[in-house]
């Protein structure tokens, strides 16, 4: 690999670490070139992210949680 590319990867990881793990919640970081990111087209987003209103089993209130479990 070219040295410039390696520097870009290293800088990307360091910037991502500084920005996204400030509160200690991060465990992994993935840095990819913007040309490798795939998104859902905006005109298809509503169908792709169909609301789960008709799928009650996805709502946490559908399940009975024993008192011994505590907070979830």
PDB file of N, CA and C in Angstrom:
ATOM      1  N   UNK A   1       0.832  -1.181   0.000  1.00  0.00           N
ATOM      2  CA  UNK A   1       0.000   0.000   0.000  1.00  0.00           C
ATOM      3  C   UNK A   1       0.878   1.246   0.000  1.00  0.00           C
ATOM      4  N   UNK A   2       0.340   2.271  -0.558  1.00  0.00           N
ATOM      5  CA  UNK A   2       1.078   3.523  -0.575  1.00  0.00           C
ATOM      6  C   UNK A   2       1.069   4.153   0.808  1.00  0.00           C
ATOM      7  N   UNK A   3       2.127   4.845   1.149  1.00  0.00           N
ATOM      8  CA  UNK A   3       2.241   5.485   2.461  1.00  0.00           C
ATOM      9  C   UNK A   3       1.140   6.512   2.677  1.00  0.00           C
ATOM     10  N   UNK A   4       0.784   7.263   1.629  1.00  0.00           N
ATOM     11  CA  UNK A   4      -0.268   8.274   1.758  1.00  0.00           C
ATOM     12  C   UNK A   4      -1.607   7.620   2.107  1.00  0.00           C
ATOM     13  N   UNK A   5      -1.877   6.471   1.496  1.00  0.00           N
ATOM     14  CA  UNK A   5      -3.126   5.759   1.781  1.00  0.00           C
ATOM     15  C   UNK A   5      -3.138   5.269   3.222  1.00  0.00           C
ATOM     16  N   UNK A   6      -2.015   4.741   3.695  1.00  0.00           N
ATOM     17  CA  UNK A   6      -1.927   4.275   5.079  1.00  0.00           C
ATOM     18  C   UNK A   6      -2.101   5.428   6.058  1.00  0.00           C
ATOM     19  N   UNK A   7      -1.543   6.588   5.739  1.00  0.00           N
ATOM     20  CA  UNK A   7      -1.738   7.759   6.591  1.00  0.00           C
ATOM     21  C   UNK A   7      -3.205   8.162   6.635  1.00  0.00           C
ATOM     22  N   UNK A   8      -3.895   8.064   5.489  1.00  0.00           N
ATOM     23  CA  UNK A   8      -5.310   8.402   5.440  1.00  0.00           C
ATOM     24  C   UNK A   8      -6.127   7.455   6.315  1.00  0.00           C
ATOM     25  N   UNK A   9      -5.821   6.168   6.267  1.00  0.00           N
ATOM     26  CA  UNK A   9      -6.518   5.188   7.107  1.00  0.00           C
ATOM     27  C   UNK A   9      -6.258   5.483   8.577  1.00  0.00           C
ATOM     28  N   UNK A  10      -4.998   5.723   8.922  1.00  0.00           N
ATOM     29  CA  UNK A  10      -4.647   6.004  10.314  1.00  0.00           C
ATOM     30  C   UNK A  10      -5.344   7.270  10.808  1.00  0.00           C
ATOM     31  N   UNK A  11      -5.333   8.320  10.013  1.00  0.00           N
ATOM     32  CA  UNK A  11      -6.001   9.558  10.396  1.00  0.00           C
ATOM     33  C   UNK A  11      -7.507   9.359  10.512  1.00  0.00           C
ATOM     34  N   UNK A  12      -8.076   8.591   9.600  1.00  0.00           N
ATOM     35  CA  UNK A  12      -9.513   8.315   9.659  1.00  0.00           C
ATOM     36  C   UNK A  12      -9.897   7.588  10.932  1.00  0.00           C
ATOM     37  N   UNK A  13      -9.109   6.595  11.316  1.00  0.00           N
ATOM     38  CA  UNK A  13      -9.387   5.860  12.557  1.00  0.00           C
ATOM     39  C   UNK A  13      -9.240   6.754  13.785  1.00  0.00           C
ATOM     40  N   UNK A  14      -8.206   7.565  13.794  1.00  0.00           N
ATOM     41  CA  UNK A  14      -8.006   8.456  14.938  1.00  0.00           C
ATOM     42  C   UNK A  14      -9.114   9.496  15.038  1.00  0.00           C
ATOM     43  N   UNK A  15      -9.525  10.050  13.902  1.00  0.00           N
ATOM     44  CA  UNK A  15     -10.619  11.027  13.911  1.00  0.00           C
ATOM     45  C   UNK A  15     -11.930  10.384  14.346  1.00  0.00           C
ATOM     46  N   UNK A  16     -12.190   9.186  13.852  1.00  0.00           N
ATOM     47  CA  UNK A  16     -13.410   8.470  14.242  1.00  0.00           C
ATOM     48  C   UNK A  16     -13.383   8.147  15.733  1.00  0.00           C
ATOM     49  N   UNK A  17     -12.239   7.719  16.232  1.00  0.00           N
ATOM     50  CA  UNK A  17     -12.107   7.435  17.666  1.00  0.00           C
ATOM     51  C   UNK A  17     -12.408   8.687  18.482  1.00  0.00           C
ATOM     52  N   UNK A  18     -11.810   9.805  18.101  1.00  0.00           N
ATOM     53  CA  UNK A  18     -11.994  11.046  18.850  1.00  0.00           C
ATOM     54  C   UNK A  18     -13.438  11.533  18.805  1.00  0.00           C
ATOM     55  N   UNK A  19     -14.113  11.317  17.691  1.00  0.00           N
ATOM     56  CA  UNK A  19     -15.471  11.818  17.532  1.00  0.00           C
ATOM     57  C   UNK A  19     -16.529  10.885  18.111  1.00  0.00           C
ATOM     58  N   UNK A  20     -16.392   9.581  17.879  1.00  0.00           N
ATOM     59  CA  UNK A  20     -17.475   8.655  18.197  1.00  0.00           C
ATOM     60  C   UNK A  20     -17.283   7.844  19.472  1.00  0.00           C
ATOM     61  N   UNK A  21     -16.145   7.930  20.095  1.00  0.00           N
ATOM     62  CA  UNK A  21     -15.948   7.127  21.316  1.00  0.00           C
ATOM     63  C   UNK A  21     -15.612   7.996  22.513  1.00  0.00           C
ATOM     64  N   UNK A  22     -16.053   9.228  22.491  1.00  0.00           N
ATOM     65  CA  UNK A  22     -15.751  10.158  23.584  1.00  0.00           C
ATOM     66  C   UNK A  22     -16.344   9.705  24.911  1.00  0.00           C
ATOM     67  N   UNK A  23     -17.461   9.026  24.867  1.00  0.00           N
ATOM     68  CA  UNK A  23     -18.130   8.605  26.106  1.00  0.00           C
ATOM     69  C   UNK A  23     -17.784   7.172  26.497  1.00  0.00           C
ATOM     70  N   UNK A  24     -16.852   6.560  25.791  1.00  0.00           N
ATOM     71  CA  UNK A  24     -16.413   5.219  26.135  1.00  0.00           C
ATOM     72  C   UNK A  24     -17.333   4.111  25.671  1.00  0.00           C
ATOM     73  N   UNK A  25     -18.298   4.407  24.791  1.00  0.00           N
ATOM     74  CA  UNK A  25     -19.238   3.374  24.374  1.00  0.00           C
ATOM     75  C   UNK A  25     -18.772   2.598  23.149  1.00  0.00           C
ATOM     76  N   UNK A  26     -17.725   3.041  22.485  1.00  0.00           N
ATOM     77  CA  UNK A  26     -17.278   2.377  21.268  1.00  0.00           C
ATOM     78  C   UNK A  26     -16.409   1.162  21.539  1.00  0.00           C
ATOM     79  N   UNK A  27     -16.582   0.149  20.714  1.00  0.00           N
ATOM     80  CA  UNK A  27     -15.758  -1.051  20.808  1.00  0.00           C
ATOM     81  C   UNK A  27     -15.061  -1.343  19.500  1.00  0.00           C
ATOM     82  N   UNK A  28     -15.637  -0.883  18.398  1.00  0.00           N
ATOM     83  CA  UNK A  28     -15.079  -1.120  17.073  1.00  0.00           C
ATOM     84  C   UNK A  28     -15.291   0.121  16.233  1.00  0.00           C
ATOM     85  N   UNK A  29     -14.391   0.362  15.327  1.00  0.00           N
ATOM     86  CA  UNK A  29     -14.544   1.445  14.358  1.00  0.00           C
ATOM     87  C   UNK A  29     -14.263   0.893  12.970  1.00  0.00           C
ATOM     88  N   UNK A  30     -15.079   1.270  12.046  1.00  0.00           N
ATOM     89  CA  UNK A  30     -14.858   0.895  10.657  1.00  0.00           C
ATOM     90  C   UNK A  30     -14.688   2.187   9.880  1.00  0.00           C
ATOM     91  N   UNK A  31     -13.625   2.302   9.155  1.00  0.00           N
ATOM     92  CA  UNK A  31     -13.390   3.459   8.304  1.00  0.00           C
ATOM     93  C   UNK A  31     -13.310   2.957   6.868  1.00  0.00           C
ATOM     94  N   UNK A  32     -14.187   3.489   6.026  1.00  0.00           N
ATOM     95  CA  UNK A  32     -14.220   3.091   4.619  1.00  0.00           C
ATOM     96  C   UNK A  32     -14.254   4.344   3.762  1.00  0.00           C
ATOM     97  N   UNK A  33     -13.839   4.186   2.527  1.00  0.00           N
ATOM     98  CA  UNK A  33     -13.913   5.298   1.592  1.00  0.00           C
ATOM     99  C   UNK A  33     -15.377   5.590   1.277  1.00  0.00           C
ATOM    100  N   UNK A  34     -15.690   6.853   1.111  1.00  0.00           N
ATOM    101  CA  UNK A  34     -17.061   7.257   0.838  1.00  0.00           C
ATOM    102  C   UNK A  34     -17.631   6.561  -0.402  1.00  0.00           C
ATOM    103  N   UNK A  35     -16.795   6.256  -1.366  1.00  0.00           N
ATOM    104  CA  UNK A  35     -17.271   5.594  -2.585  1.00  0.00           C
ATOM    105  C   UNK A  35     -17.735   4.163  -2.325  1.00  0.00           C
ATOM    106  N   UNK A  36     -17.409   3.598  -1.169  1.00  0.00           N
ATOM    107  CA  UNK A  36     -17.813   2.236  -0.827  1.00  0.00           C
ATOM    108  C   UNK A  36     -19.047   2.180   0.069  1.00  0.00           C
ATOM    109  N   UNK A  37     -19.640   3.323   0.365  1.00  0.00           N
ATOM    110  CA  UNK A  37     -20.838   3.368   1.211  1.00  0.00           C
ATOM    111  C   UNK A  37     -22.068   3.233   0.328  1.00  0.00           C
ATOM    112  N   UNK A  38     -22.964   2.341   0.698  1.00  0.00           N
ATOM    113  CA  UNK A  38     -24.206   2.118  -0.043  1.00  0.00           C
ATOM    114  C   UNK A  38     -25.361   2.587   0.840  1.00  0.00           C
ATOM    115  N   UNK A  39     -26.268   3.350   0.271  1.00  0.00           N
ATOM    116  CA  UNK A  39     -27.419   3.839   1.020  1.00  0.00           C
ATOM    117  C   UNK A  39     -28.707   3.478   0.291  1.00  0.00           C
ATOM    118  N   UNK A  40     -29.794   3.569   1.006  1.00  0.00           N
ATOM    119  CA  UNK A  40     -31.109   3.371   0.413  1.00  0.00           C
ATOM    120  C   UNK A  40     -31.495   4.670  -0.296  1.00  0.00           C
ATOM    121  N   UNK A  41     -31.895   4.599  -1.559  1.00  0.00           N
ATOM    122  CA  UNK A  41     -32.326   5.826  -2.242  1.00  0.00           C
ATOM    123  C   UNK A  41     -33.477   6.486  -1.482  1.00  0.00           C
ATOM    124  N   UNK A  42     -33.459   7.808  -1.402  1.00  0.00           N
ATOM    125  CA  UNK A  42     -34.470   8.532  -0.626  1.00  0.00           C
ATOM    126  C   UNK A  42     -35.887   8.218  -1.076  1.00  0.00           C
ATOM    127  N   UNK A  43     -36.108   8.024  -2.365  1.00  0.00           N
ATOM    128  CA  UNK A  43     -37.465   7.752  -2.838  1.00  0.00           C
ATOM    129  C   UNK A  43     -37.937   6.337  -2.467  1.00  0.00           C
ATOM    130  N   UNK A  44     -37.039   5.472  -1.997  1.00  0.00           N
ATOM    131  CA  UNK A  44     -37.407   4.124  -1.574  1.00  0.00           C
ATOM    132  C   UNK A  44     -37.321   3.949  -0.055  1.00  0.00           C
ATOM    133  N   UNK A  45     -36.924   4.984   0.654  1.00  0.00           N
ATOM    134  CA  UNK A  45     -36.667   4.869   2.084  1.00  0.00           C
ATOM    135  C   UNK A  45     -37.916   4.490   2.880  1.00  0.00           C
ATOM    136  N   UNK A  46     -39.060   5.080   2.567  1.00  0.00           N
ATOM    137  CA  UNK A  46     -40.260   4.786   3.357  1.00  0.00           C
ATOM    138  C   UNK A  46     -40.667   3.319   3.222  1.00  0.00           C
ATOM    139  N   UNK A  47     -40.540   2.748   2.044  1.00  0.00           N
ATOM    140  CA  UNK A  47     -40.868   1.334   1.866  1.00  0.00           C
ATOM    141  C   UNK A  47     -39.813   0.439   2.509  1.00  0.00           C
ATOM    142  N   UNK A  48     -38.561   0.856   2.442  1.00  0.00           N
ATOM    143  CA  UNK A  48     -37.477   0.051   3.008  1.00  0.00           C
ATOM    144  C   UNK A  48     -37.570   0.008   4.530  1.00  0.00           C
ATOM    145  N   UNK A  49     -37.865   1.156   5.133  1.00  0.00           N
ATOM    146  CA  UNK A  49     -37.978   1.247   6.591  1.00  0.00           C
ATOM    147  C   UNK A  49     -39.442   1.217   6.989  1.00  0.00           C
ATOM    148  N   UNK A  50     -40.168   0.261   6.462  1.00  0.00           N
ATOM    149  CA  UNK A  50     -41.585   0.100   6.744  1.00  0.00           C
ATOM    150  C   UNK A  50     -41.818   0.087   8.250  1.00  0.00           C
ATOM    151  N   UNK A  51     -42.757   0.903   8.725  1.00  0.00           N
ATOM    152  CA  UNK A  51     -43.017   0.924  10.172  1.00  0.00           C
ATOM    153  C   UNK A  51     -43.436  -0.446  10.685  1.00  0.00           C
ATOM    154  N   UNK A  52     -43.116  -0.700  11.920  1.00  0.00           N
ATOM    155  CA  UNK A  52     -43.410  -1.993  12.523  1.00  0.00           C
ATOM    156  C   UNK A  52     -44.751  -1.993  13.243  1.00  0.00           C
ATOM    157  N   UNK A  53     -45.628  -1.045  12.908  1.00  0.00           N
ATOM    158  CA  UNK A  53     -46.918  -0.953  13.592  1.00  0.00           C
ATOM    159  C   UNK A  53     -47.737  -2.231  13.462  1.00  0.00           C
ATOM    160  N   UNK A  54     -47.597  -2.937  12.349  1.00  0.00           N
ATOM    161  CA  UNK A  54     -48.369  -4.155  12.149  1.00  0.00           C
ATOM    162  C   UNK A  54     -47.640  -5.395  12.665  1.00  0.00           C
ATOM    163  N   UNK A  55     -46.508  -5.190  13.302  1.00  0.00           N
ATOM    164  CA  UNK A  55     -45.716  -6.307  13.830  1.00  0.00           C
ATOM    165  C   UNK A  55     -45.547  -6.114  15.337  1.00  0.00           C
ATOM    166  N   UNK A  56     -46.605  -6.385  16.079  1.00  0.00           N
ATOM    167  CA  UNK A  56     -46.584  -6.078  17.508  1.00  0.00           C
ATOM    168  C   UNK A  56     -45.534  -6.871  18.269  1.00  0.00           C
ATOM    169  N   UNK A  57     -45.117  -8.002  17.720  1.00  0.00           N
ATOM    170  CA  UNK A  57     -44.108  -8.799  18.404  1.00  0.00           C
ATOM    171  C   UNK A  57     -42.771  -8.070  18.472  1.00  0.00           C
ATOM    172  N   UNK A  58     -42.600  -7.018  17.705  1.00  0.00           N
ATOM    173  CA  UNK A  58     -41.360  -6.244  17.752  1.00  0.00           C
ATOM    174  C   UNK A  58     -41.375  -5.197  18.863  1.00  0.00           C
ATOM    175  N   UNK A  59     -42.517  -4.957  19.432  1.00  0.00           N
ATOM    176  CA  UNK A  59     -42.624  -3.977  20.509  1.00  0.00           C
ATOM    177  C   UNK A  59     -42.296  -4.651  21.839  1.00  0.00           C
ATOM    178  N   UNK A  60     -41.536  -3.983  22.690  1.00  0.00           N
ATOM    179  CA  UNK A  60     -41.146  -4.606  23.963  1.00  0.00           C
ATOM    180  C   UNK A  60     -42.327  -4.911  24.871  1.00  0.00           C
ATOM    181  N   UNK A  61     -43.451  -4.239  24.671  1.00  0.00           N
ATOM    182  CA  UNK A  61     -44.609  -4.478  25.526  1.00  0.00           C
ATOM    183  C   UNK A  61     -45.279  -5.812  25.215  1.00  0.00           C
ATOM    184  N   UNK A  62     -44.890  -6.454  24.138  1.00  0.00           N
ATOM    185  CA  UNK A  62     -45.477  -7.732  23.750  1.00  0.00           C
ATOM    186  C   UNK A  62     -45.014  -8.857  24.668  1.00  0.00           C
ATOM    187  N   UNK A  63     -43.855  -8.691  25.275  1.00  0.00           N
ATOM    188  CA  UNK A  63     -43.253  -9.752  26.078  1.00  0.00           C
ATOM    189  C   UNK A  63     -43.450  -9.493  27.560  1.00  0.00           C
ATOM    190  N   UNK A  64     -43.684 -10.571  28.295  1.00  0.00           N
ATOM    191  CA  UNK A  64     -43.739 -10.485  29.756  1.00  0.00           C
ATOM    192  C   UNK A  64     -42.335 -10.728  30.293  1.00  0.00           C
ATOM    193  N   UNK A  65     -41.807  -9.731  30.974  1.00  0.00           N
ATOM    194  CA  UNK A  65     -40.466  -9.826  31.550  1.00  0.00           C
ATOM    195  C   UNK A  65     -40.598 -10.147  33.029  1.00  0.00           C
ATOM    196  N   UNK A  66     -39.997 -11.217  33.503  1.00  0.00           N
ATOM    197  CA  UNK A  66     -40.067 -11.535  34.934  1.00  0.00           C
ATOM    198  C   UNK A  66     -39.459 -10.430  35.774  1.00  0.00           C
ATOM    199  N   UNK A  67     -40.008 -10.228  36.964  1.00  0.00           N
ATOM    200  CA  UNK A  67     -39.483  -9.198  37.863  1.00  0.00           C
ATOM    201  C   UNK A  67     -38.032  -9.435  38.237  1.00  0.00           C
ATOM    202  N   UNK A  68     -37.609 -10.696  38.235  1.00  0.00           N
ATOM    203  CA  UNK A  68     -36.233 -11.008  38.608  1.00  0.00           C
ATOM    204  C   UNK A  68     -35.207 -10.515  37.583  1.00  0.00           C
ATOM    205  N   UNK A  69     -35.662 -10.180  36.378  1.00  0.00           N
ATOM    206  CA  UNK A  69     -34.740  -9.705  35.344  1.00  0.00           C
ATOM    207  C   UNK A  69     -34.234  -8.305  35.677  1.00  0.00           C
ATOM    208  N   UNK A  70     -35.041  -7.494  36.297  1.00  0.00           N
ATOM    209  CA  UNK A  70     -34.618  -6.125  36.603  1.00  0.00           C
ATOM    210  C   UNK A  70     -34.761  -5.238  35.387  1.00  0.00           C
ATOM    211  N   UNK A  71     -33.858  -4.313  35.243  1.00  0.00           N
ATOM    212  CA  UNK A  71     -33.921  -3.362  34.119  1.00  0.00           C
ATOM    213  C   UNK A  71     -33.370  -3.997  32.854  1.00  0.00           C
ATOM    214  N   UNK A  72     -34.023  -3.730  31.752  1.00  0.00           N
ATOM    215  CA  UNK A  72     -33.526  -4.193  30.448  1.00  0.00           C
ATOM    216  C   UNK A  72     -33.197  -3.028  29.591  1.00  0.00           C
TER     217      UNK A  72
END
